[in-house]
């Protein structure tokens, strides 16, 4: 049987982010399929997580080296691009889009966030026209959840937009017995796993822990993720019960997620979509504290999460204080999340759904 040829253009680890991890999982998953021949172009130009997205810096011009691989478009049936959400994040793919259209290749844009339409609406003049021109060249679009479909609504018919929820890695898979043997629900233990960007809510979280500590409520908390240059949090680490463990992968990540029982991501990140870290935390039996932001409400409800107001210190303190006094709720919602993630967000289900979508796109 002749295989379909797909070219995946986007960031791959390192550094680890939701997008780079998803690209790796899709690439590896499709390579194992009998139906696909996979090639990639890694568009990542830095080993560091940027503190500010969308701004054009000298380092971003390293992206130009990816154009040396334009020829790969010729040998593929379908071009799969994890499109950016800023003006630069779209325009940098222009040569690939033009080349793909010139040679009549199907283009699929996979959007891992909820800011694309906002960015378009904020543009004027030639920049707005250029943005529309290139985004509207896609044949199909993929978003993370229902609430994020509007990001493509100005550029493509609704019938050509697919929803593909995120996933947790298979190495985080546990039996319920393994989970209960590894998890301590006797006290509140908070974990934060994301890049340490202020908009991810890390600053307000650490300040909340500090205030609680000063008021005699001592909370255990571990923080993991890439640091960013313009958000120095060193004054918090090693104090107030806050432990920074750096970047975690593999077994270290699994152990980290199992140590905690409350995953807190009070994000107001403008590029947010549907954080993989929330799903990973669910799969390892954690209750979620987060915000009603981007596509998060498509996977978090009152059944499995507590919502706090964005960048609201008092509200976050109140939520954490409530849970510290009602520890039994942590286990109830944590075990609910374990079953919920196991049923809906496995890597196998993600790859299977991606495969079905891409086969529809190519036919």
Protein backbone atom coordinates (compact mmCIF):
# COMPACT_ATOMS: atom_id res chain seq x y z
CA UNK A 1 0.00 0.00 0.00
CA UNK A 2 1.33 3.40 -0.98
CA UNK A 3 1.84 5.63 2.03
CA UNK A 4 0.67 9.21 2.36
CA UNK A 5 3.55 11.63 2.76
CA UNK A 6 3.24 14.30 5.42
CA UNK A 7 5.66 17.13 6.18
CA UNK A 8 5.38 18.45 9.75
CA UNK A 9 6.70 21.99 10.14
CA UNK A 10 6.96 23.38 13.65
CA UNK A 11 8.98 23.39 16.84
CA UNK A 12 10.39 20.18 18.31
CA UNK A 13 12.13 19.76 21.68
CA UNK A 14 14.28 21.26 23.09
CA UNK A 15 12.98 23.35 24.71
CA UNK A 16 9.90 21.44 25.84
CA UNK A 17 6.62 23.27 25.36
CA UNK A 18 3.08 22.13 24.65
CA UNK A 19 3.59 22.69 20.92
CA UNK A 20 6.99 21.03 20.63
CA UNK A 21 5.84 18.02 22.66
CA UNK A 22 2.68 17.63 20.58
CA UNK A 23 4.68 17.80 17.34
CA UNK A 24 7.02 15.09 18.59
CA UNK A 25 4.15 12.84 19.67
CA UNK A 26 2.30 13.25 16.34
CA UNK A 27 5.49 12.71 14.35
CA UNK A 28 6.48 9.58 16.30
CA UNK A 29 2.91 8.26 16.26
CA UNK A 30 2.39 8.65 12.53
CA UNK A 31 5.79 7.10 11.80
CA UNK A 32 4.51 3.92 13.44
CA UNK A 33 1.43 3.91 11.21
CA UNK A 34 1.21 1.91 8.00
CA UNK A 35 -0.50 4.85 6.32
CA UNK A 36 2.08 7.62 6.66
CA UNK A 37 5.59 8.48 5.63
CA UNK A 38 6.71 11.37 7.85
CA UNK A 39 9.27 14.10 7.36
CA UNK A 40 9.84 17.11 9.60
CA UNK A 41 11.27 20.60 9.57
CA UNK A 42 12.16 21.82 13.05
CA UNK A 43 11.35 25.53 13.18
CA UNK A 44 12.69 25.99 16.73
CA UNK A 45 15.47 28.57 16.75
CA UNK A 46 16.23 28.77 20.47
CA UNK A 47 16.89 26.47 23.40
CA UNK A 48 15.21 28.98 25.70
CA UNK A 49 11.59 29.92 26.30
CA UNK A 50 10.94 33.55 25.26
CA UNK A 51 9.50 35.86 27.88
CA UNK A 52 7.69 37.95 25.28
CA UNK A 53 5.93 36.44 22.27
CA UNK A 54 5.42 38.21 18.97
CA UNK A 55 8.29 40.68 19.25
CA UNK A 56 10.85 40.42 16.44
CA UNK A 57 14.37 39.97 17.81
CA UNK A 58 17.69 39.19 16.14
CA UNK A 59 17.48 35.60 17.41
CA UNK A 60 14.26 35.03 15.49
CA UNK A 61 16.09 35.53 12.23
CA UNK A 62 17.78 32.19 12.91
CA UNK A 63 14.46 30.86 11.63
CA UNK A 64 15.69 31.72 8.13
CA UNK A 65 17.76 28.53 8.13
CA UNK A 66 14.54 26.51 7.93
CA UNK A 67 13.97 27.86 4.41
CA UNK A 68 16.90 25.71 3.28
CA UNK A 69 14.47 22.80 3.61
CA UNK A 70 11.73 24.21 1.39
CA UNK A 71 12.46 21.46 -1.12
CA UNK A 72 10.86 18.95 1.27
CA UNK A 73 7.45 20.35 0.30
CA UNK A 74 7.90 18.79 -3.14
CA UNK A 75 8.00 15.27 -1.72
CA UNK A 76 4.92 15.52 0.50
CA UNK A 77 1.18 15.21 -0.10
CA UNK A 78 0.13 17.22 2.92
CA UNK A 79 1.88 20.07 4.72
CA UNK A 80 1.09 20.23 8.44
CA UNK A 81 2.13 23.47 10.13
CA UNK A 82 1.78 24.39 13.80
CA UNK A 83 1.04 28.00 12.94
CA UNK A 84 2.00 30.83 15.29
CA UNK A 85 -0.41 33.37 16.75
CA UNK A 86 1.50 36.62 16.36
CA UNK A 87 2.12 38.48 13.11
CA UNK A 88 5.66 37.14 12.95
CA UNK A 89 4.42 33.70 14.03
CA UNK A 90 2.31 33.57 10.85
CA UNK A 91 4.48 35.44 8.36
CA UNK A 92 7.58 33.35 9.06
CA UNK A 93 5.78 30.41 7.41
CA UNK A 94 4.96 32.43 4.26
CA UNK A 95 7.56 30.73 2.00
CA UNK A 96 6.25 27.30 2.98
CA UNK A 97 2.66 28.39 2.36
CA UNK A 98 3.46 29.93 -1.03
CA UNK A 99 5.57 26.94 -2.11
CA UNK A 100 2.87 24.51 -1.00
CA UNK A 101 0.17 26.34 -2.93
CA UNK A 102 2.40 26.65 -5.99
CA UNK A 103 2.76 22.87 -6.09
CA UNK A 104 -0.87 22.19 -5.11
CA UNK A 105 -0.18 20.61 -1.74
CA UNK A 106 -2.86 20.37 0.96
CA UNK A 107 -2.10 22.67 3.92
CA UNK A 108 -3.25 21.95 7.46
CA UNK A 109 -2.74 24.53 10.20
CA UNK A 110 -2.77 23.19 13.76
CA UNK A 111 -3.34 26.02 16.23
CA UNK A 112 -2.19 25.41 19.80
CA UNK A 113 -3.65 28.54 21.33
CA UNK A 114 -6.51 30.99 21.48
CA UNK A 115 -4.98 34.31 20.38
CA UNK A 116 -4.92 34.12 16.57
CA UNK A 117 -8.21 35.94 15.93
CA UNK A 118 -7.40 38.59 18.56
CA UNK A 119 -4.07 39.21 16.83
CA UNK A 120 -5.78 39.59 13.46
CA UNK A 121 -8.37 42.02 14.86
CA UNK A 122 -5.60 44.19 16.32
CA UNK A 123 -3.76 44.56 13.00
CA UNK A 124 -4.27 47.33 10.45
CA UNK A 125 -3.38 48.07 6.86
CA UNK A 126 -0.90 45.91 5.00
CA UNK A 127 -0.07 43.79 8.02
CA UNK A 128 -3.73 42.83 8.43
CA UNK A 129 -4.05 42.03 4.71
CA UNK A 130 -0.87 39.94 4.73
CA UNK A 131 -1.98 38.07 7.86
CA UNK A 132 -5.35 37.26 6.28
CA UNK A 133 -3.77 36.29 2.96
CA UNK A 134 -1.49 33.65 4.45
CA UNK A 135 -3.81 32.22 7.11
CA UNK A 136 -6.67 31.88 4.60
CA UNK A 137 -4.46 29.70 2.37
CA UNK A 138 -4.97 26.70 4.65
CA UNK A 139 -7.18 23.91 3.35
CA UNK A 140 -8.02 22.66 6.85
CA UNK A 141 -7.56 23.86 10.40
CA UNK A 142 -7.16 22.00 13.69
CA UNK A 143 -7.88 23.55 17.09
CA UNK A 144 -7.63 22.11 20.58
CA UNK A 145 -11.27 22.41 21.59
CA UNK A 146 -14.70 23.83 20.78
CA UNK A 147 -14.10 27.22 22.43
CA UNK A 148 -11.11 27.80 20.16
CA UNK A 149 -12.85 27.23 16.81
CA UNK A 150 -13.54 30.95 16.39
CA UNK A 151 -9.83 31.57 15.88
CA UNK A 152 -10.17 30.19 12.36
CA UNK A 153 -13.71 31.44 11.70
CA UNK A 154 -12.59 34.47 9.64
CA UNK A 155 -10.36 32.40 7.40
CA UNK A 156 -12.00 29.06 6.60
CA UNK A 157 -15.39 27.31 6.54
CA UNK A 158 -16.51 25.75 9.81
CA UNK A 159 -16.80 22.33 8.14
CA UNK A 160 -13.05 22.36 7.53
CA UNK A 161 -12.13 22.99 11.17
CA UNK A 162 -11.41 19.95 13.36
CA UNK A 163 -11.03 19.65 17.13
CA UNK A 164 -8.14 17.63 18.51
CA UNK A 165 -7.79 17.71 22.31
CA UNK A 166 -4.37 17.48 23.90
CA UNK A 167 -2.98 14.42 25.69
CA UNK A 168 -0.77 13.08 28.43
CA UNK A 169 2.34 11.07 27.64
CA UNK A 170 2.07 7.28 27.85
CA UNK A 171 4.89 7.12 30.41
CA UNK A 172 2.51 8.81 32.87
CA UNK A 173 0.00 5.96 32.58
CA UNK A 174 -0.83 4.34 35.93
CA UNK A 175 -3.18 1.75 37.31
CA UNK A 176 -5.43 3.01 40.09
CA UNK A 177 -3.53 0.81 42.54
CA UNK A 178 -0.22 2.37 41.48
CA UNK A 179 -1.72 5.83 41.85
CA UNK A 180 -3.05 5.23 45.35
CA UNK A 181 0.21 3.63 46.46
CA UNK A 182 2.18 6.63 45.19
CA UNK A 183 -0.09 9.52 46.19
CA UNK A 184 -0.45 11.26 49.55
CA UNK A 185 -3.84 12.93 50.00
CA UNK A 186 -3.46 13.58 53.73
CA UNK A 187 -2.36 17.20 53.27
CA UNK A 188 -2.42 19.81 50.52
CA UNK A 189 0.62 19.65 48.22
CA UNK A 190 0.69 22.16 45.39
CA UNK A 191 2.63 21.76 42.15
CA UNK A 192 3.20 24.17 39.27
CA UNK A 193 4.52 22.84 35.96
CA UNK A 194 4.94 25.30 33.10
CA UNK A 195 7.36 27.84 31.75
CA UNK A 196 7.92 30.47 34.44
CA UNK A 197 6.28 33.30 32.50
CA UNK A 198 4.37 35.80 34.63
CA UNK A 199 1.23 35.39 32.51
CA UNK A 200 1.17 31.68 33.38
CA UNK A 201 0.28 32.81 36.90
CA UNK A 202 3.51 31.78 38.63
CA UNK A 203 4.12 35.20 40.23
CA UNK A 204 0.67 35.48 41.76
CA UNK A 205 0.87 31.86 42.94
CA UNK A 206 4.19 32.33 44.72
CA UNK A 207 3.02 35.57 46.28
CA UNK A 208 -0.11 33.79 47.53
CA UNK A 209 2.02 31.08 49.14
CA UNK A 210 4.21 33.75 50.74
CA UNK A 211 1.19 35.59 52.18
CA UNK A 212 -0.31 32.36 53.50
CA UNK A 213 3.01 31.43 55.10
CA UNK A 214 3.21 34.84 56.77
CA UNK A 215 -0.30 34.27 58.12
CA UNK A 216 0.72 30.94 59.66
CA UNK A 217 -0.66 28.68 56.91
CA UNK A 218 2.31 26.71 55.65
CA UNK A 219 1.74 25.07 52.28
CA UNK A 220 4.14 22.63 50.63
CA UNK A 221 4.76 23.56 47.02
CA UNK A 222 7.10 22.43 44.24
CA UNK A 223 7.67 24.42 41.05
CA UNK A 224 9.03 23.00 37.78
CA UNK A 225 9.65 24.58 34.41
CA UNK A 226 11.96 26.69 32.27
CA UNK A 227 12.99 30.05 33.74
CA UNK A 228 12.75 33.21 31.65
CA UNK A 229 15.24 36.05 31.70
CA UNK A 230 12.93 38.90 32.65
CA UNK A 231 11.01 37.17 35.45
CA UNK A 232 13.39 36.65 38.36
CA UNK A 233 11.69 34.51 41.01
CA UNK A 234 14.79 33.66 43.02
CA UNK A 235 13.55 35.64 46.03
CA UNK A 236 10.78 33.05 46.48
CA UNK A 237 12.72 29.84 45.95
CA UNK A 238 13.97 28.13 49.07
CA UNK A 239 11.63 30.20 51.25
CA UNK A 240 8.00 29.94 52.42
CA UNK A 241 8.01 26.19 51.71
CA UNK A 242 8.62 26.81 47.98
CA UNK A 243 10.96 24.38 46.21
CA UNK A 244 12.10 24.95 42.62
CA UNK A 245 13.14 21.68 40.97
CA UNK A 246 14.08 22.94 37.50
CA UNK A 247 12.97 21.29 34.27
CA UNK A 248 11.52 17.79 34.73
CA UNK A 249 11.19 15.05 32.14
CA UNK A 250 10.56 11.32 32.09
CA UNK A 251 10.57 9.66 35.50
CA UNK A 252 11.40 12.96 37.23
CA UNK A 253 8.22 14.50 35.81
CA UNK A 254 6.14 11.50 36.82
CA UNK A 255 7.53 11.60 40.35
CA UNK A 256 6.90 15.34 40.51
CA UNK A 257 3.26 14.99 39.44
CA UNK A 258 2.71 12.14 41.86
CA UNK A 259 4.23 14.08 44.77
CA UNK A 260 1.58 16.79 44.41
CA UNK A 261 -2.16 16.54 44.75
CA UNK A 262 -3.21 20.06 43.70
CA UNK A 263 -2.01 21.36 40.33
CA UNK A 264 -2.21 25.14 40.19
CA UNK A 265 -2.00 26.99 36.87
CA UNK A 266 -3.72 30.39 37.35
CA UNK A 267 -2.95 31.37 33.78
CA UNK A 268 -3.88 34.52 31.91
CA UNK A 269 -1.33 33.86 29.16
CA UNK A 270 -2.54 35.51 25.96
CA UNK A 271 -1.23 32.66 23.78
CA UNK A 272 -2.88 29.98 25.94
CA UNK A 273 -4.81 27.16 24.36
CA UNK A 274 -5.40 23.99 26.35
CA UNK A 275 -2.34 23.30 28.52
CA UNK A 276 -0.95 19.80 28.27
CA UNK A 277 0.30 20.22 31.83
CA UNK A 278 -3.29 20.32 33.12
CA UNK A 279 -4.05 17.01 31.41
CA UNK A 280 -0.83 15.48 32.74
CA UNK A 281 -1.80 16.60 36.23
CA UNK A 282 -5.25 15.02 35.82
CA UNK A 283 -3.73 11.73 34.66
CA UNK A 284 -1.69 11.56 37.86
CA UNK A 285 -4.62 12.20 40.18
CA UNK A 286 -4.37 15.91 40.92
CA UNK A 287 -7.16 18.38 41.60
CA UNK A 288 -6.85 21.46 39.38
CA UNK A 289 -6.80 25.15 40.30
CA UNK A 290 -6.92 27.28 37.18
CA UNK A 291 -8.74 30.12 35.40
CA UNK A 292 -11.60 30.36 32.90
CA UNK A 293 -9.22 31.18 30.08
CA UNK A 294 -8.81 30.13 26.43
CA UNK A 295 -9.93 26.48 25.99
CA UNK A 296 -9.49 25.42 29.61
CA UNK A 297 -13.23 25.27 30.33
CA UNK A 298 -13.55 22.58 27.66
CA UNK A 299 -11.62 20.21 29.92
CA UNK A 300 -12.13 21.71 33.40
CA UNK A 301 -15.45 22.10 35.24
CA UNK A 302 -16.59 22.23 38.86
CA UNK A 303 -16.39 18.41 38.84
CA UNK A 304 -12.61 18.39 38.67
CA UNK A 305 -11.34 21.92 39.26
CA UNK A 306 -11.54 25.13 41.22
CA UNK A 307 -11.52 28.33 39.21
CA UNK A 308 -9.93 31.54 40.45
CA UNK A 309 -10.04 35.02 38.94
CA UNK A 310 -7.15 35.95 36.64
CA UNK A 311 -4.18 37.60 38.35
CA UNK A 312 -6.23 38.04 41.54
CA UNK A 313 -4.07 37.46 44.61
CA UNK A 314 -6.91 37.57 47.16
CA UNK A 315 -9.05 35.11 45.24
CA UNK A 316 -6.18 32.64 44.80
CA UNK A 317 -5.28 32.88 48.50
CA UNK A 318 -8.92 32.20 49.38
CA UNK A 319 -9.05 29.13 47.12
CA UNK A 320 -5.83 27.62 48.48
CA UNK A 321 -6.88 28.35 52.07
CA UNK A 322 -10.24 26.64 51.47
CA UNK A 323 -8.57 23.49 50.14
CA UNK A 324 -6.07 23.41 53.01
CA UNK A 325 -9.07 23.27 55.35
CA UNK A 326 -11.03 20.77 53.22
CA UNK A 327 -8.38 18.23 52.24
CA UNK A 328 -10.94 15.46 51.58
CA UNK A 329 -12.13 17.30 48.44
CA UNK A 330 -8.63 17.04 46.98
CA UNK A 331 -8.76 13.24 46.87
CA UNK A 332 -12.32 13.12 45.52
CA UNK A 333 -11.58 15.43 42.60
CA UNK A 334 -8.09 14.01 42.11
CA UNK A 335 -9.39 10.47 41.61
CA UNK A 336 -12.15 11.79 39.35
CA UNK A 337 -9.48 13.45 37.20
CA UNK A 338 -7.47 10.24 37.00
CA UNK A 339 -10.39 8.36 35.45
CA UNK A 340 -11.40 11.31 33.27
CA UNK A 341 -7.93 11.68 31.74
CA UNK A 342 -7.50 7.94 31.31
CA UNK A 343 -10.72 7.75 29.28
CA UNK A 344 -10.27 10.83 27.10
CA UNK A 345 -6.69 12.05 26.86
CA UNK A 346 -4.33 9.13 26.33
CA UNK A 347 -1.51 9.46 23.81
CA UNK A 348 -2.99 6.60 21.82
CA UNK A 349 -6.34 8.37 21.52
CA UNK A 350 -4.59 11.61 20.52
CA UNK A 351 -2.59 9.90 17.76
CA UNK A 352 -5.63 7.93 16.57
CA UNK A 353 -7.75 11.08 16.36
CA UNK A 354 -4.94 12.99 14.61
CA UNK A 355 -4.61 10.16 12.09
CA UNK A 356 -8.35 10.18 11.34
CA UNK A 357 -8.38 13.95 10.88
CA UNK A 358 -5.36 13.97 8.59
CA UNK A 359 -6.78 11.17 6.44
CA UNK A 360 -9.93 13.28 5.97
CA UNK A 361 -7.73 16.22 5.00
CA UNK A 362 -5.86 14.30 2.35
CA UNK A 363 -8.89 12.66 0.69
